[in-house]
Each structure stands twice: as C-alpha cells, then as structure tokens.
C-alpha cells in the first residue's frame, strides 16, 4: 500500500506545520510526529478510518484537531487530497473531492 499526495495536500501540511511552529516551540515537531504516525496507520489499515464523503475517508491526527482526507485510486494506491483542521468548511474541500 502506498500514499500519494495532491500538491494542495502538501501545501496544507506545510501550512499546518507553520501554524504550530508559530504557536509554541516544539509544537510543530510534535504535530509532524503525530502526522507521520497517522500516515503509517492509514498505510496499514486504509479502510479502517471513517468515511468522510462518498468514497473519501478521514483519519483524525492524534492530539491535534486536524484530519487527513484520502481515497483509493488504485489497487494498492491511495491519494491524500487534504490535510485540514477539523473545523474547516466542507464546502471549501468539495472542489478537491471530485
């Protein structure tokens, strides 16, 4: 199983890391560590996490109010379309979910 990322999802991740970096020393590193753990869990059990919309799934990142939104695009291939705060406007994600 493998994950690939939309460029927008990579930008989301960078924005989240920057946000936590500006809040408190060490918080960005903690966030990224939890993000990497969430990635490993998705790779291990991609269908375990809750359905978000249609065939998209959402894995909430431990300790942080952020989610990884992803879907299957091949037999062993899943695509991350967003890394967003849980309070994000779902309408703003609709464009990526098509």
Protein backbone atom coordinates (compact mmCIF):
# COMPACT_ATOMS: atom_id res chain seq x y z
CA UNK A 1 0.00 0.00 0.00
CA UNK A 2 1.24 3.44 -0.91
CA UNK A 3 0.10 7.03 -0.35
CA UNK A 4 0.48 9.82 -2.89
CA UNK A 5 -0.38 13.48 -2.29
CA UNK A 6 -2.12 16.16 -4.27
CA UNK A 7 0.06 19.28 -4.35
CA UNK A 8 -2.68 21.07 -2.40
CA UNK A 9 -2.45 18.46 0.37
CA UNK A 10 1.31 19.06 0.64
CA UNK A 11 0.58 22.79 0.92
CA UNK A 12 -2.00 22.05 3.64
CA UNK A 13 0.62 20.11 5.58
CA UNK A 14 3.16 22.91 5.29
CA UNK A 15 0.56 25.44 6.46
CA UNK A 16 -0.28 23.27 9.49
CA UNK A 17 3.38 22.84 10.43
CA UNK A 18 3.91 26.61 10.08
CA UNK A 19 0.82 27.33 12.17
CA UNK A 20 2.01 25.11 15.03
CA UNK A 21 5.58 26.42 14.76
CA UNK A 22 4.30 29.96 15.29
CA UNK A 23 2.22 28.93 18.32
CA UNK A 24 4.76 27.24 20.58
CA UNK A 25 8.33 25.95 20.44
CA UNK A 26 8.37 22.24 19.69
CA UNK A 27 4.68 22.06 18.79
CA UNK A 28 5.35 21.77 15.05
CA UNK A 29 7.67 18.81 15.65
CA UNK A 30 5.02 17.15 17.83
CA UNK A 31 2.40 17.74 15.14
CA UNK A 32 4.62 16.29 12.42
CA UNK A 33 5.41 13.24 14.53
CA UNK A 34 1.68 12.61 15.04
CA UNK A 35 1.07 13.22 11.33
CA UNK A 36 3.67 10.58 10.41
CA UNK A 37 2.02 8.13 12.82
CA UNK A 38 -1.36 8.80 11.18
CA UNK A 39 0.23 8.14 7.77
CA UNK A 40 1.57 4.79 8.97
CA UNK A 41 -1.86 3.85 10.31
CA UNK A 42 -3.53 4.75 7.01
CA UNK A 43 -0.98 2.65 5.12
CA UNK A 44 -1.53 -0.28 7.49
CA UNK A 45 -5.34 -0.09 7.64
CA UNK A 46 -6.59 2.26 4.89
CA UNK A 47 -10.23 1.20 5.12
CA UNK A 48 -10.46 1.41 8.91
CA UNK A 49 -10.99 5.16 9.16
CA UNK A 50 -14.39 6.78 8.87
CA UNK A 51 -15.97 7.72 5.57
CA UNK A 52 -15.97 11.45 5.04
CA UNK A 53 -17.86 11.98 1.82
CA UNK A 54 -18.52 9.47 -0.93
CA UNK A 55 -15.51 7.17 -1.14
CA UNK A 56 -13.25 9.59 0.74
CA UNK A 57 -12.07 8.72 4.23
CA UNK A 58 -10.87 10.82 7.14
CA UNK A 59 -8.17 9.99 9.67
CA UNK A 60 -8.04 12.37 12.61
CA UNK A 61 -4.49 13.15 13.71
CA UNK A 62 -3.96 12.24 17.38
CA UNK A 63 -3.58 15.17 19.82
CA UNK A 64 -4.35 17.75 17.11
CA UNK A 65 -7.62 18.97 15.62
CA UNK A 66 -6.53 18.11 12.06
CA UNK A 67 -7.60 15.42 9.63
CA UNK A 68 -6.09 13.64 6.65
CA UNK A 69 -8.64 13.23 3.83
CA UNK A 70 -7.85 10.45 1.34
CA UNK A 71 -9.34 7.95 -1.10
CA UNK A 72 -8.35 4.89 -3.08
CA UNK A 73 -7.19 5.48 -6.66
CA UNK A 74 -5.66 2.09 -7.44
CA UNK A 75 -5.44 -1.45 -6.09
CA UNK A 76 -2.62 -0.57 -3.68
CA UNK A 77 -2.66 3.20 -4.12
CA UNK A 78 -4.39 5.85 -2.01
CA UNK A 79 -4.36 9.59 -2.60
CA UNK A 80 -4.28 12.23 0.13
CA UNK A 81 -6.34 15.18 -1.05
CA UNK A 82 -6.20 17.36 2.07
CA UNK A 83 -4.64 17.82 5.50
CA UNK A 84 -7.03 20.23 7.18
CA UNK A 85 -8.29 21.48 10.52
CA UNK A 86 -11.42 19.60 11.60
CA UNK A 87 -13.34 22.88 11.70
CA UNK A 88 -12.63 23.54 8.00
CA UNK A 89 -15.52 24.50 5.80
CA UNK A 90 -16.57 21.28 4.00
CA UNK A 91 -17.70 23.36 1.03
CA UNK A 92 -14.11 24.55 0.53
CA UNK A 93 -13.00 20.91 0.12
CA UNK A 94 -15.70 19.97 -2.42
CA UNK A 95 -13.51 21.06 -5.35
CA UNK A 96 -10.77 18.63 -4.33
CA UNK A 97 -13.27 15.82 -3.77
CA UNK A 98 -14.31 15.50 -7.38
